[in-house]
């Protein structure tokens, strides 16, 4: 099934006025552009990761070392998307640990 933007569209489920930088658990789905199966394939009901799929998993595991105040929850790589739960445990803007790149200037 190919992607048809006129029929495959979604409304944002984000809460208006909610500060998504605050501590909490966040469920994230990231899809590959045009839903191309760049992360791997399925063979006999088994996911076979591509080099890109292996890289995505490696980057996921490194995130807590690059982002202070971040804990990883569940994570799965699919052929054309990922699902993840990211836990922001501290998000003080301007002071203390932050779920922002380690060492970056905070505004």
N, C-alpha and C. Protein backbone atom coordinates (compact mmCIF):
# COMPACT_ATOMS: atom_id res chain seq x y z
N UNK A 1 0.85 -1.18 0.00
CA UNK A 1 0.00 0.00 0.00
C UNK A 1 0.89 1.24 0.00
N UNK A 2 0.69 2.10 -0.94
CA UNK A 2 1.50 3.31 -1.01
C UNK A 2 0.84 4.43 -0.21
N UNK A 3 1.65 5.41 0.16
CA UNK A 3 1.19 6.53 0.97
C UNK A 3 0.45 7.53 0.09
N UNK A 4 -0.77 7.86 0.48
CA UNK A 4 -1.59 8.83 -0.25
C UNK A 4 -1.92 9.97 0.71
N UNK A 5 -1.23 11.12 0.59
CA UNK A 5 -1.41 12.20 1.56
C UNK A 5 -2.84 12.72 1.67
N UNK A 6 -3.62 12.60 0.59
CA UNK A 6 -5.00 13.10 0.65
C UNK A 6 -5.89 12.23 1.56
N UNK A 7 -5.54 10.96 1.74
CA UNK A 7 -6.34 10.09 2.61
C UNK A 7 -5.60 9.65 3.86
N UNK A 8 -4.28 9.70 3.85
CA UNK A 8 -3.48 9.31 5.01
C UNK A 8 -2.96 10.56 5.71
N UNK A 9 -3.75 11.09 6.56
CA UNK A 9 -3.34 12.25 7.33
C UNK A 9 -3.88 12.11 8.75
N UNK A 10 -3.21 12.74 9.66
CA UNK A 10 -3.61 12.63 11.06
C UNK A 10 -3.67 14.00 11.69
N UNK A 11 -4.57 14.14 12.62
CA UNK A 11 -4.61 15.34 13.43
C UNK A 11 -3.61 15.18 14.55
N UNK A 12 -3.05 16.27 14.97
CA UNK A 12 -2.13 16.23 16.10
C UNK A 12 -2.90 15.85 17.36
N UNK A 13 -2.32 14.97 18.15
CA UNK A 13 -2.92 14.61 19.43
C UNK A 13 -2.24 15.33 20.59
N UNK A 14 -1.38 16.30 20.25
CA UNK A 14 -0.71 17.08 21.28
C UNK A 14 -1.74 17.90 22.06
N UNK A 15 -1.52 18.01 23.36
CA UNK A 15 -2.41 18.81 24.20
C UNK A 15 -2.06 20.28 24.05
N UNK A 16 -3.03 21.09 23.70
CA UNK A 16 -2.78 22.52 23.57
C UNK A 16 -2.37 23.09 24.91
N UNK A 17 -1.30 23.87 24.89
CA UNK A 17 -0.83 24.52 26.11
C UNK A 17 0.04 23.64 26.99
N UNK A 18 0.21 22.35 26.66
CA UNK A 18 1.03 21.46 27.48
C UNK A 18 2.50 21.70 27.18
N UNK A 19 3.31 21.77 28.22
CA UNK A 19 4.74 21.99 28.07
C UNK A 19 5.44 20.64 27.93
N UNK A 20 5.75 20.27 26.71
CA UNK A 20 6.37 18.97 26.44
C UNK A 20 7.84 18.91 26.84
N UNK A 21 8.37 19.97 27.43
CA UNK A 21 9.74 19.91 27.94
C UNK A 21 9.76 19.47 29.40
N UNK A 22 8.60 19.35 30.02
CA UNK A 22 8.58 18.98 31.43
C UNK A 22 8.80 17.48 31.62
N UNK A 23 9.18 17.10 32.82
CA UNK A 23 9.45 15.70 33.14
C UNK A 23 8.22 14.85 32.85
N UNK A 24 8.45 13.64 32.36
CA UNK A 24 7.37 12.71 32.07
C UNK A 24 7.81 11.68 31.06
N UNK A 25 6.93 10.72 30.82
CA UNK A 25 7.19 9.68 29.82
C UNK A 25 6.47 10.07 28.54
N UNK A 26 7.18 9.99 27.43
CA UNK A 26 6.64 10.40 26.13
C UNK A 26 6.75 9.24 25.14
N UNK A 27 5.63 8.93 24.50
CA UNK A 27 5.59 7.90 23.48
C UNK A 27 5.84 8.58 22.14
N UNK A 28 6.81 8.06 21.40
CA UNK A 28 7.23 8.70 20.15
C UNK A 28 7.20 7.67 19.02
N UNK A 29 6.68 8.07 17.88
CA UNK A 29 6.76 7.28 16.66
C UNK A 29 7.42 8.16 15.61
N UNK A 30 8.43 7.63 14.94
CA UNK A 30 9.11 8.35 13.87
C UNK A 30 9.05 7.48 12.62
N UNK A 31 8.48 8.04 11.56
CA UNK A 31 8.33 7.30 10.29
C UNK A 31 9.35 7.79 9.27
N UNK A 32 9.80 6.87 8.44
CA UNK A 32 10.70 7.19 7.34
C UNK A 32 9.90 7.95 6.27
N UNK A 33 10.53 8.94 5.66
CA UNK A 33 9.87 9.70 4.60
C UNK A 33 9.38 8.74 3.52
N UNK A 34 8.17 8.96 3.07
CA UNK A 34 7.52 8.14 2.05
C UNK A 34 7.37 6.67 2.48
N UNK A 35 7.53 6.42 3.76
CA UNK A 35 7.37 5.08 4.35
C UNK A 35 8.22 4.01 3.67
N UNK A 36 9.39 4.42 3.20
CA UNK A 36 10.31 3.46 2.60
C UNK A 36 10.88 2.55 3.69
N UNK A 37 11.07 1.30 3.38
CA UNK A 37 11.59 0.34 4.35
C UNK A 37 13.11 0.41 4.40
N UNK A 38 13.61 1.49 4.99
CA UNK A 38 15.05 1.73 5.06
C UNK A 38 15.72 1.07 6.25
N UNK A 39 14.93 0.72 7.28
CA UNK A 39 15.52 0.18 8.52
C UNK A 39 15.64 -1.33 8.51
N UNK A 40 15.07 -2.00 7.53
CA UNK A 40 15.17 -3.46 7.46
C UNK A 40 14.01 -4.05 6.72
N UNK A 41 13.87 -5.37 6.86
CA UNK A 41 12.79 -6.08 6.18
C UNK A 41 12.29 -7.21 7.08
N UNK A 42 11.17 -7.80 6.68
CA UNK A 42 10.60 -8.93 7.40
C UNK A 42 10.76 -10.16 6.53
N UNK A 43 11.32 -11.22 7.10
CA UNK A 43 11.46 -12.48 6.38
C UNK A 43 11.02 -13.61 7.30
N UNK A 44 10.02 -14.35 6.88
CA UNK A 44 9.46 -15.45 7.68
C UNK A 44 9.11 -14.97 9.09
N UNK A 45 8.44 -13.83 9.15
CA UNK A 45 7.96 -13.22 10.41
C UNK A 45 9.07 -12.76 11.34
N UNK A 46 10.28 -12.58 10.81
CA UNK A 46 11.41 -12.12 11.61
C UNK A 46 11.94 -10.82 10.99
N UNK A 47 12.17 -9.82 11.84
CA UNK A 47 12.73 -8.55 11.38
C UNK A 47 14.23 -8.71 11.14
N UNK A 48 14.68 -8.34 9.96
CA UNK A 48 16.09 -8.37 9.58
C UNK A 48 16.53 -6.91 9.42
N UNK A 49 17.30 -6.37 10.38
CA UNK A 49 17.68 -4.96 10.28
C UNK A 49 18.70 -4.72 9.18
N UNK A 50 18.58 -3.56 8.53
CA UNK A 50 19.58 -3.12 7.56
C UNK A 50 20.67 -2.40 8.35
N UNK A 51 21.68 -1.91 7.64
CA UNK A 51 22.73 -1.13 8.30
C UNK A 51 22.12 0.10 8.99
N UNK A 52 21.13 0.72 8.35
CA UNK A 52 20.46 1.88 8.95
C UNK A 52 19.70 1.47 10.20
N UNK A 53 19.04 0.32 10.19
CA UNK A 53 18.32 -0.17 11.36
C UNK A 53 19.25 -0.45 12.52
N UNK A 54 20.42 -1.00 12.22
CA UNK A 54 21.43 -1.26 13.25
C UNK A 54 21.95 0.06 13.82
N UNK A 55 22.15 1.04 12.95
CA UNK A 55 22.61 2.36 13.39
C UNK A 55 21.58 3.02 14.30
N UNK A 56 20.29 2.94 13.93
CA UNK A 56 19.23 3.54 14.74
C UNK A 56 19.26 2.96 16.16
N UNK A 57 19.41 1.66 16.26
CA UNK A 57 19.46 1.01 17.58
C UNK A 57 20.69 1.47 18.37
N UNK A 58 21.83 1.61 17.72
CA UNK A 58 23.05 2.07 18.39
C UNK A 58 22.90 3.51 18.89
N UNK A 59 22.31 4.37 18.05
CA UNK A 59 22.09 5.77 18.45
C UNK A 59 21.13 5.83 19.62
N UNK A 60 20.08 5.01 19.60
CA UNK A 60 19.13 4.97 20.71
C UNK A 60 19.84 4.65 22.03
N UNK A 61 20.70 3.65 22.03
CA UNK A 61 21.40 3.25 23.25
C UNK A 61 22.35 4.33 23.76
N UNK A 62 22.86 5.18 22.87
CA UNK A 62 23.78 6.24 23.25
C UNK A 62 23.09 7.51 23.77
N UNK A 63 21.80 7.65 23.55
CA UNK A 63 21.10 8.89 23.89
C UNK A 63 21.29 9.34 25.34
N UNK A 64 21.23 8.45 26.34
CA UNK A 64 21.41 8.93 27.72
C UNK A 64 22.80 9.51 27.98
N UNK A 65 23.78 9.13 27.19
CA UNK A 65 25.13 9.67 27.36
C UNK A 65 25.27 11.04 26.71
N UNK A 66 24.36 11.38 25.82
CA UNK A 66 24.40 12.66 25.11
C UNK A 66 23.36 13.66 25.57
N UNK A 67 22.36 13.19 26.28
CA UNK A 67 21.28 14.05 26.76
C UNK A 67 21.10 13.83 28.26
N UNK A 68 21.41 14.85 29.04
CA UNK A 68 21.24 14.76 30.48
C UNK A 68 19.76 14.74 30.81
N UNK A 69 19.40 14.06 31.89
CA UNK A 69 18.01 14.05 32.33
C UNK A 69 17.10 13.17 31.51
N UNK A 70 17.67 12.22 30.79
CA UNK A 70 16.90 11.37 29.89
C UNK A 70 17.10 9.91 30.26
N UNK A 71 16.01 9.17 30.34
CA UNK A 71 16.06 7.72 30.53
C UNK A 71 15.30 7.08 29.37
N UNK A 72 15.76 5.92 28.95
CA UNK A 72 15.13 5.23 27.83
C UNK A 72 14.11 4.23 28.33
N UNK A 73 12.98 4.18 27.66
CA UNK A 73 11.97 3.18 27.92
C UNK A 73 12.01 2.15 26.81
N UNK A 74 10.86 1.60 26.49
CA UNK A 74 10.77 0.60 25.43
C UNK A 74 11.14 1.21 24.08
N UNK A 75 11.65 0.37 23.20
CA UNK A 75 12.09 0.83 21.88
C UNK A 75 12.02 -0.33 20.90
N UNK A 76 11.49 -0.07 19.71
CA UNK A 76 11.45 -1.10 18.69
C UNK A 76 11.68 -0.46 17.32
N UNK A 77 12.51 -1.13 16.52
CA UNK A 77 12.74 -0.69 15.14
C UNK A 77 11.89 -1.57 14.23
N UNK A 78 11.16 -0.93 13.34
CA UNK A 78 10.34 -1.62 12.35
C UNK A 78 10.94 -1.27 10.98
N UNK A 79 10.54 -1.94 9.91
CA UNK A 79 11.15 -1.66 8.61
C UNK A 79 11.10 -0.19 8.17
N UNK A 80 10.00 0.51 8.50
CA UNK A 80 9.89 1.90 8.02
C UNK A 80 9.56 2.91 9.13
N UNK A 81 9.70 2.50 10.38
CA UNK A 81 9.46 3.44 11.49
C UNK A 81 10.02 2.88 12.79
N UNK A 82 10.05 3.74 13.80
CA UNK A 82 10.43 3.30 15.14
C UNK A 82 9.34 3.72 16.12
N UNK A 83 9.23 2.98 17.21
CA UNK A 83 8.39 3.34 18.34
C UNK A 83 9.32 3.42 19.54
N UNK A 84 9.09 4.42 20.39
CA UNK A 84 9.96 4.57 21.56
C UNK A 84 9.21 5.25 22.69
N UNK A 85 9.67 4.98 23.90
CA UNK A 85 9.22 5.72 25.08
C UNK A 85 10.46 6.38 25.65
N UNK A 86 10.38 7.70 25.75
CA UNK A 86 11.48 8.50 26.29
C UNK A 86 11.01 9.10 27.61
N UNK A 87 11.79 8.92 28.65
CA UNK A 87 11.46 9.48 29.96
C UNK A 87 12.35 10.68 30.25
N UNK A 88 11.73 11.85 30.32
CA UNK A 88 12.47 13.04 30.75
C UNK A 88 12.33 13.07 32.25
N UNK A 89 13.47 12.94 32.96
CA UNK A 89 13.42 12.86 34.41
C UNK A 89 13.72 14.19 35.08
N UNK A 90 14.31 15.10 34.34
CA UNK A 90 14.63 16.42 34.84
C UNK A 90 14.68 17.36 33.67
N UNK A 91 14.04 18.51 33.79
CA UNK A 91 14.04 19.42 32.64
C UNK A 91 14.06 20.88 33.09
N UNK A 92 14.96 21.21 33.96
CA UNK A 92 15.06 22.58 34.44
C UNK A 92 15.73 23.44 33.39
N UNK A 93 15.03 24.44 32.91
CA UNK A 93 15.60 25.32 31.90
C UNK A 93 16.49 26.33 32.60
N UNK A 94 17.75 26.41 32.17
CA UNK A 94 18.67 27.39 32.72
C UNK A 94 19.54 26.89 33.85
N UNK A 95 19.18 25.79 34.49
CA UNK A 95 20.00 25.28 35.60
C UNK A 95 19.75 23.79 35.76
N UNK A 96 20.78 23.08 36.18
CA UNK A 96 20.64 21.66 36.48
C UNK A 96 20.54 20.81 35.23
N UNK A 97 20.30 19.50 35.43
CA UNK A 97 20.20 18.58 34.31
C UNK A 97 19.05 18.94 33.38
N UNK A 98 19.23 18.66 32.14
CA UNK A 98 18.22 19.02 31.14
C UNK A 98 18.23 17.98 30.03
N UNK A 99 17.07 17.66 29.50
CA UNK A 99 17.00 16.75 28.35
C UNK A 99 17.34 17.54 27.09
N UNK A 100 18.55 18.06 27.06
CA UNK A 100 19.06 18.80 25.92
C UNK A 100 20.47 18.31 25.67
N UNK A 101 21.05 18.55 24.50
CA UNK A 101 22.38 18.03 24.24
C UNK A 101 23.37 18.42 25.34
N UNK A 102 24.09 17.43 25.85
CA UNK A 102 25.06 17.67 26.92
C UNK A 102 26.05 18.75 26.49
N UNK A 103 26.24 19.71 27.34
CA UNK A 103 27.20 20.77 27.06
C UNK A 103 26.67 21.92 26.23
N UNK A 104 25.42 21.80 25.76
CA UNK A 104 24.90 22.88 24.92
C UNK A 104 24.39 24.02 25.78
N UNK A 105 24.37 25.20 25.21
CA UNK A 105 23.86 26.36 25.92
C UNK A 105 22.35 26.25 26.02
N UNK A 106 21.80 26.56 27.17
CA UNK A 106 20.37 26.51 27.37
C UNK A 106 19.82 27.92 27.32
N UNK A 107 18.66 28.08 26.72
CA UNK A 107 18.04 29.40 26.65
C UNK A 107 16.72 29.40 27.36
